[in-house]
N, C-alpha and C. Protein backbone atom coordinates (compact mmCIF):
# COMPACT_ATOMS: atom_id res chain seq x y z
N MET A 1 -5.12 -13.59 10.01
CA MET A 1 -5.55 -13.26 8.67
C MET A 1 -5.56 -14.56 7.87
N ASP A 2 -6.74 -14.95 7.39
CA ASP A 2 -6.87 -16.17 6.60
C ASP A 2 -6.65 -15.83 5.13
N THR A 3 -5.50 -16.23 4.58
CA THR A 3 -5.16 -15.88 3.21
C THR A 3 -5.45 -17.00 2.22
N LYS A 4 -6.15 -18.04 2.64
CA LYS A 4 -6.41 -19.18 1.77
C LYS A 4 -7.86 -19.24 1.29
N THR A 5 -8.72 -18.33 1.72
CA THR A 5 -10.15 -18.44 1.46
C THR A 5 -10.59 -17.87 0.12
N GLY A 6 -9.75 -17.18 -0.58
CA GLY A 6 -10.14 -16.59 -1.84
C GLY A 6 -10.32 -15.08 -1.75
N LEU A 7 -10.79 -14.59 -0.60
CA LEU A 7 -10.96 -13.16 -0.38
C LEU A 7 -10.64 -12.88 1.08
N PHE A 8 -9.71 -11.98 1.32
CA PHE A 8 -9.41 -11.62 2.70
C PHE A 8 -9.13 -10.13 2.81
N LEU A 9 -9.35 -9.61 4.01
CA LEU A 9 -9.08 -8.21 4.31
C LEU A 9 -7.70 -8.09 4.93
N GLY A 10 -6.98 -7.07 4.53
CA GLY A 10 -5.66 -6.84 5.10
C GLY A 10 -5.49 -5.38 5.48
N LYS A 11 -4.66 -5.16 6.48
CA LYS A 11 -4.36 -3.81 6.94
C LYS A 11 -2.86 -3.76 7.21
N TRP A 12 -2.16 -2.92 6.43
CA TRP A 12 -0.71 -2.86 6.54
C TRP A 12 -0.24 -1.42 6.76
N LEU A 13 0.83 -1.29 7.51
CA LEU A 13 1.51 -0.02 7.72
C LEU A 13 2.74 -0.01 6.81
N ILE A 14 2.87 1.04 6.01
CA ILE A 14 3.98 1.12 5.06
C ILE A 14 4.76 2.39 5.34
N GLY A 15 6.05 2.24 5.61
CA GLY A 15 6.91 3.38 5.84
C GLY A 15 7.74 3.21 7.10
N LYS A 16 8.72 4.08 7.22
CA LYS A 16 9.60 4.07 8.39
C LYS A 16 8.97 4.96 9.46
N VAL A 17 8.79 4.43 10.66
CA VAL A 17 8.19 5.19 11.75
C VAL A 17 9.27 6.07 12.37
N ILE A 18 9.28 7.34 11.95
CA ILE A 18 10.23 8.32 12.47
C ILE A 18 9.45 9.60 12.78
N PRO A 19 9.91 10.42 13.72
CA PRO A 19 9.19 11.65 14.05
C PRO A 19 9.01 12.54 12.81
N GLY A 20 7.78 12.91 12.52
CA GLY A 20 7.47 13.78 11.38
C GLY A 20 7.44 13.06 10.05
N GLY A 21 7.67 11.76 10.05
CA GLY A 21 7.69 11.00 8.80
C GLY A 21 6.30 10.72 8.27
N ILE A 22 6.20 10.52 6.98
CA ILE A 22 4.93 10.21 6.34
C ILE A 22 4.75 8.70 6.31
N LEU A 23 3.58 8.25 6.73
CA LEU A 23 3.24 6.82 6.72
C LEU A 23 2.06 6.59 5.79
N ALA A 24 2.04 5.42 5.17
CA ALA A 24 0.91 5.01 4.35
C ALA A 24 0.25 3.81 5.04
N HIS A 25 -1.05 3.89 5.22
CA HIS A 25 -1.82 2.81 5.84
C HIS A 25 -2.68 2.21 4.73
N LEU A 26 -2.39 0.97 4.34
CA LEU A 26 -3.14 0.30 3.28
C LEU A 26 -4.19 -0.61 3.91
N ASN A 27 -5.45 -0.33 3.64
CA ASN A 27 -6.57 -1.17 4.05
C ASN A 27 -7.18 -1.71 2.76
N ALA A 28 -7.10 -3.02 2.56
CA ALA A 28 -7.50 -3.55 1.26
C ALA A 28 -8.11 -4.93 1.35
N MET A 29 -8.92 -5.23 0.34
CA MET A 29 -9.41 -6.58 0.12
C MET A 29 -8.51 -7.21 -0.93
N VAL A 30 -8.10 -8.44 -0.68
CA VAL A 30 -7.27 -9.18 -1.63
C VAL A 30 -8.08 -10.37 -2.11
N SER A 31 -8.27 -10.45 -3.41
CA SER A 31 -8.99 -11.57 -4.02
C SER A 31 -7.96 -12.50 -4.63
N THR A 32 -7.76 -13.66 -3.99
CA THR A 32 -6.73 -14.58 -4.48
C THR A 32 -7.10 -15.30 -5.78
N PRO A 33 -8.39 -15.59 -6.07
CA PRO A 33 -8.67 -16.27 -7.35
C PRO A 33 -8.30 -15.43 -8.58
N ASN A 34 -8.57 -14.11 -8.53
CA ASN A 34 -8.23 -13.29 -9.70
C ASN A 34 -7.06 -12.36 -9.44
N GLN A 35 -6.40 -12.50 -8.30
CA GLN A 35 -5.18 -11.77 -7.94
C GLN A 35 -5.35 -10.25 -8.03
N LYS A 36 -6.46 -9.75 -7.47
CA LYS A 36 -6.74 -8.32 -7.48
C LYS A 36 -6.76 -7.78 -6.05
N ILE A 37 -6.43 -6.50 -5.94
CA ILE A 37 -6.40 -5.79 -4.66
C ILE A 37 -7.19 -4.51 -4.83
N SER A 38 -8.05 -4.18 -3.85
CA SER A 38 -8.73 -2.89 -3.89
C SER A 38 -8.96 -2.41 -2.46
N GLY A 39 -8.95 -1.10 -2.29
CA GLY A 39 -9.14 -0.55 -0.95
C GLY A 39 -8.77 0.91 -0.89
N GLN A 40 -8.16 1.30 0.22
CA GLN A 40 -7.76 2.69 0.42
C GLN A 40 -6.38 2.77 1.06
N VAL A 41 -5.66 3.81 0.69
CA VAL A 41 -4.41 4.16 1.37
C VAL A 41 -4.66 5.50 2.06
N THR A 42 -4.34 5.54 3.35
CA THR A 42 -4.43 6.78 4.10
C THR A 42 -3.02 7.23 4.43
N PHE A 43 -2.67 8.44 3.99
CA PHE A 43 -1.37 9.01 4.32
C PHE A 43 -1.51 9.83 5.59
N THR A 44 -0.61 9.60 6.54
CA THR A 44 -0.62 10.36 7.78
C THR A 44 0.78 10.90 8.07
N GLN A 45 0.79 12.01 8.80
CA GLN A 45 2.05 12.62 9.22
C GLN A 45 1.77 13.44 10.46
N ALA A 46 2.61 13.26 11.47
CA ALA A 46 2.45 13.99 12.73
C ALA A 46 3.10 15.36 12.61
N THR A 47 2.41 16.26 11.92
CA THR A 47 2.89 17.63 11.75
C THR A 47 1.73 18.57 12.12
N ASN A 48 1.98 19.86 12.10
CA ASN A 48 0.94 20.83 12.37
C ASN A 48 0.77 21.70 11.14
N PRO A 49 -0.33 21.63 10.42
CA PRO A 49 -1.48 20.75 10.65
C PRO A 49 -1.13 19.31 10.24
N PRO A 50 -1.81 18.34 10.85
CA PRO A 50 -1.50 16.94 10.54
C PRO A 50 -1.97 16.56 9.14
N LEU A 51 -1.21 15.68 8.50
CA LEU A 51 -1.60 15.16 7.20
C LEU A 51 -2.49 13.95 7.42
N ASN A 52 -3.62 13.92 6.75
CA ASN A 52 -4.53 12.78 6.82
C ASN A 52 -5.33 12.77 5.52
N VAL A 53 -4.79 12.10 4.50
CA VAL A 53 -5.38 12.07 3.16
C VAL A 53 -5.68 10.64 2.78
N VAL A 54 -6.90 10.40 2.27
CA VAL A 54 -7.32 9.06 1.87
C VAL A 54 -7.38 8.99 0.35
N VAL A 55 -6.80 7.92 -0.21
CA VAL A 55 -6.78 7.70 -1.65
C VAL A 55 -7.37 6.32 -1.93
N ASP A 56 -8.39 6.25 -2.80
CA ASP A 56 -8.93 4.96 -3.23
C ASP A 56 -7.94 4.31 -4.18
N VAL A 57 -7.70 3.01 -3.99
CA VAL A 57 -6.69 2.32 -4.80
C VAL A 57 -7.22 0.99 -5.33
N ALA A 58 -6.58 0.52 -6.37
CA ALA A 58 -6.85 -0.79 -6.95
C ALA A 58 -5.55 -1.30 -7.56
N GLY A 59 -5.48 -2.60 -7.79
CA GLY A 59 -4.28 -3.15 -8.41
C GLY A 59 -4.38 -4.64 -8.55
N HIS A 60 -3.26 -5.22 -8.87
CA HIS A 60 -3.19 -6.67 -9.03
C HIS A 60 -1.83 -7.15 -8.53
N TYR A 61 -1.72 -8.46 -8.34
CA TYR A 61 -0.46 -9.01 -7.86
C TYR A 61 -0.17 -10.32 -8.57
N ALA A 62 1.08 -10.73 -8.44
CA ALA A 62 1.52 -12.01 -9.00
C ALA A 62 2.31 -12.75 -7.94
N ASN A 63 2.23 -14.05 -7.98
CA ASN A 63 3.03 -14.90 -7.09
C ASN A 63 4.28 -15.30 -7.84
N THR A 64 5.41 -15.21 -7.17
CA THR A 64 6.67 -15.59 -7.81
C THR A 64 7.65 -16.05 -6.75
N THR A 65 8.81 -16.45 -7.17
CA THR A 65 9.86 -16.88 -6.26
C THR A 65 11.08 -16.01 -6.50
N VAL A 66 11.62 -15.48 -5.42
CA VAL A 66 12.85 -14.68 -5.47
C VAL A 66 13.88 -15.45 -4.66
N GLY A 67 14.90 -15.93 -5.34
CA GLY A 67 15.85 -16.83 -4.68
C GLY A 67 15.10 -18.10 -4.36
N ALA A 68 15.04 -18.45 -3.09
CA ALA A 68 14.29 -19.64 -2.67
C ALA A 68 13.02 -19.25 -1.92
N THR A 69 12.66 -17.96 -1.98
CA THR A 69 11.54 -17.44 -1.19
C THR A 69 10.35 -17.12 -2.09
N LYS A 70 9.17 -17.66 -1.73
CA LYS A 70 7.95 -17.33 -2.45
C LYS A 70 7.44 -15.98 -1.97
N VAL A 71 7.09 -15.09 -2.90
CA VAL A 71 6.61 -13.75 -2.56
C VAL A 71 5.40 -13.39 -3.43
N HIS A 72 4.72 -12.32 -3.03
CA HIS A 72 3.63 -11.73 -3.80
C HIS A 72 4.09 -10.33 -4.19
N ILE A 73 4.07 -10.02 -5.47
CA ILE A 73 4.47 -8.70 -5.95
C ILE A 73 3.23 -8.00 -6.46
N ALA A 74 2.91 -6.84 -5.88
CA ALA A 74 1.69 -6.11 -6.23
C ALA A 74 2.01 -4.76 -6.84
N ILE A 75 1.22 -4.40 -7.85
CA ILE A 75 1.25 -3.06 -8.42
C ILE A 75 -0.09 -2.43 -8.05
N ILE A 76 -0.04 -1.33 -7.30
CA ILE A 76 -1.25 -0.69 -6.78
C ILE A 76 -1.22 0.77 -7.25
N HIS A 77 -2.37 1.28 -7.65
CA HIS A 77 -2.45 2.66 -8.14
C HIS A 77 -3.74 3.31 -7.66
N SER A 78 -3.76 4.64 -7.69
CA SER A 78 -4.98 5.35 -7.29
C SER A 78 -6.04 5.14 -8.35
N VAL A 79 -7.30 5.11 -7.90
CA VAL A 79 -8.43 5.01 -8.82
C VAL A 79 -8.62 6.39 -9.45
N PRO A 80 -8.77 6.46 -10.78
CA PRO A 80 -8.93 7.78 -11.42
C PRO A 80 -10.10 8.56 -10.83
N SER A 81 -9.88 9.85 -10.64
CA SER A 81 -10.89 10.73 -10.06
C SER A 81 -11.21 11.85 -11.04
N GLN A 82 -12.46 12.31 -10.99
CA GLN A 82 -12.88 13.44 -11.84
C GLN A 82 -12.54 14.78 -11.19
N LEU A 83 -12.06 14.75 -9.95
CA LEU A 83 -11.77 15.98 -9.23
C LEU A 83 -10.42 16.55 -9.65
N PHE A 84 -10.39 17.82 -9.99
CA PHE A 84 -9.14 18.48 -10.34
C PHE A 84 -8.26 18.55 -9.10
N GLY A 85 -7.02 18.13 -9.21
CA GLY A 85 -6.09 18.18 -8.10
C GLY A 85 -6.23 17.05 -7.10
N ALA A 86 -7.02 16.02 -7.46
CA ALA A 86 -7.18 14.88 -6.56
C ALA A 86 -5.84 14.18 -6.36
N PRO A 87 -5.59 13.65 -5.18
CA PRO A 87 -4.32 12.96 -4.94
C PRO A 87 -4.21 11.70 -5.82
N TRP A 88 -2.98 11.37 -6.21
CA TRP A 88 -2.75 10.15 -6.96
C TRP A 88 -1.59 9.39 -6.34
N LEU A 89 -1.54 8.11 -6.66
CA LEU A 89 -0.55 7.22 -6.04
C LEU A 89 -0.19 6.10 -7.00
N GLU A 90 1.07 5.72 -7.00
CA GLU A 90 1.51 4.48 -7.61
C GLU A 90 2.42 3.80 -6.61
N MET A 91 2.23 2.47 -6.46
CA MET A 91 2.92 1.74 -5.40
C MET A 91 3.30 0.35 -5.89
N LEU A 92 4.45 -0.10 -5.49
CA LEU A 92 4.90 -1.47 -5.75
C LEU A 92 5.21 -2.09 -4.39
N VAL A 93 4.57 -3.22 -4.09
CA VAL A 93 4.77 -3.88 -2.81
C VAL A 93 5.22 -5.31 -3.05
N VAL A 94 6.23 -5.75 -2.32
CA VAL A 94 6.67 -7.14 -2.34
C VAL A 94 6.39 -7.70 -0.95
N TRP A 95 5.39 -8.60 -0.88
CA TRP A 95 5.00 -9.22 0.38
C TRP A 95 5.64 -10.59 0.53
N ALA A 96 5.93 -10.98 1.77
CA ALA A 96 6.34 -12.35 2.07
C ALA A 96 5.15 -13.27 1.77
N ASP A 97 5.39 -14.55 1.66
CA ASP A 97 4.36 -15.52 1.30
C ASP A 97 3.16 -15.48 2.25
N ASP A 98 3.36 -15.13 3.52
CA ASP A 98 2.26 -15.10 4.49
C ASP A 98 1.55 -13.74 4.56
N TRP A 99 1.91 -12.79 3.73
CA TRP A 99 1.31 -11.46 3.65
C TRP A 99 1.53 -10.63 4.93
N GLN A 100 2.43 -11.04 5.80
CA GLN A 100 2.62 -10.35 7.08
C GLN A 100 3.64 -9.21 7.02
N SER A 101 4.56 -9.26 6.08
CA SER A 101 5.61 -8.25 6.01
C SER A 101 6.12 -8.15 4.58
N GLY A 102 6.92 -7.12 4.34
CA GLY A 102 7.48 -6.94 3.01
C GLY A 102 8.18 -5.62 2.88
N THR A 103 8.32 -5.19 1.63
CA THR A 103 8.99 -3.94 1.29
C THR A 103 8.19 -3.25 0.19
N ALA A 104 8.16 -1.91 0.23
CA ALA A 104 7.38 -1.17 -0.76
C ALA A 104 8.14 0.03 -1.29
N TRP A 105 7.72 0.46 -2.46
CA TRP A 105 8.12 1.73 -3.07
C TRP A 105 6.83 2.43 -3.42
N PHE A 106 6.74 3.72 -3.13
CA PHE A 106 5.57 4.45 -3.60
C PHE A 106 5.92 5.88 -3.98
N ASN A 107 5.08 6.41 -4.86
CA ASN A 107 5.22 7.74 -5.41
C ASN A 107 3.82 8.34 -5.36
N ALA A 108 3.66 9.49 -4.72
CA ALA A 108 2.33 10.09 -4.58
C ALA A 108 2.41 11.60 -4.75
N GLN A 109 1.28 12.16 -5.18
CA GLN A 109 1.14 13.61 -5.27
C GLN A 109 -0.11 13.98 -4.49
N ILE A 110 0.06 14.77 -3.44
CA ILE A 110 -1.05 15.22 -2.60
C ILE A 110 -1.02 16.74 -2.59
N GLY A 111 -1.93 17.34 -3.34
CA GLY A 111 -1.89 18.79 -3.50
C GLY A 111 -0.58 19.18 -4.16
N SER A 112 0.16 20.07 -3.52
CA SER A 112 1.45 20.48 -4.08
C SER A 112 2.61 19.67 -3.50
N THR A 113 2.31 18.67 -2.68
CA THR A 113 3.35 17.88 -2.02
C THR A 113 3.60 16.59 -2.79
N HIS A 114 4.85 16.38 -3.15
CA HIS A 114 5.26 15.13 -3.80
C HIS A 114 5.93 14.24 -2.77
N ILE A 115 5.51 12.98 -2.71
CA ILE A 115 6.05 12.03 -1.74
C ILE A 115 6.61 10.84 -2.50
N GLU A 116 7.82 10.45 -2.18
CA GLU A 116 8.38 9.23 -2.74
C GLU A 116 9.18 8.53 -1.66
N GLN A 117 8.91 7.23 -1.50
CA GLN A 117 9.68 6.42 -0.55
C GLN A 117 10.07 5.13 -1.24
N SER A 118 11.29 4.70 -0.97
CA SER A 118 11.74 3.40 -1.47
C SER A 118 12.25 2.58 -0.29
N ASP A 119 12.26 1.28 -0.45
CA ASP A 119 12.67 0.37 0.62
C ASP A 119 11.89 0.63 1.90
N ALA A 120 10.61 0.98 1.76
CA ALA A 120 9.77 1.24 2.92
C ALA A 120 9.31 -0.09 3.52
N PRO A 121 9.50 -0.31 4.80
CA PRO A 121 9.06 -1.55 5.40
C PRO A 121 7.53 -1.65 5.40
N VAL A 122 7.05 -2.87 5.22
CA VAL A 122 5.62 -3.17 5.24
C VAL A 122 5.37 -4.17 6.35
N LYS A 123 4.39 -3.87 7.21
CA LYS A 123 4.05 -4.83 8.27
C LYS A 123 2.56 -4.77 8.53
N VAL A 124 2.01 -5.85 9.02
CA VAL A 124 0.60 -5.91 9.35
C VAL A 124 0.32 -4.89 10.44
N GLU A 125 -0.77 -4.15 10.24
CA GLU A 125 -1.19 -3.15 11.23
C GLU A 125 -2.35 -3.76 12.01
N LYS A 126 -2.24 -3.78 13.32
CA LYS A 126 -3.28 -4.42 14.15
C LYS A 126 -4.18 -3.41 14.76
């Protein structure tokens, strides 16, 4: 993943991989000149019936230093929809300087299901 070109595509898995657990798959374009992120989050869960919901997202990030470590902190949210009952999402992601790993918190509403995860691991999805 070339993160120095100004615009790059990223694909990350967010969440703890446990049987029946809910995972968030973030597929996004990151624009480094204006520090914006846009793409989609797909929520999946290995249940019957399986969960597979896609949410359009946008957000922005800032570069900062935590302790002696340079990180990227992003605030990502669902794009407003005109559909009644459309899923929504708010997410905070702290990425390592190389964008390969990090930690996330997210809060989502999908139909009548409320999902919240904190300290969710973030890793590049290949």
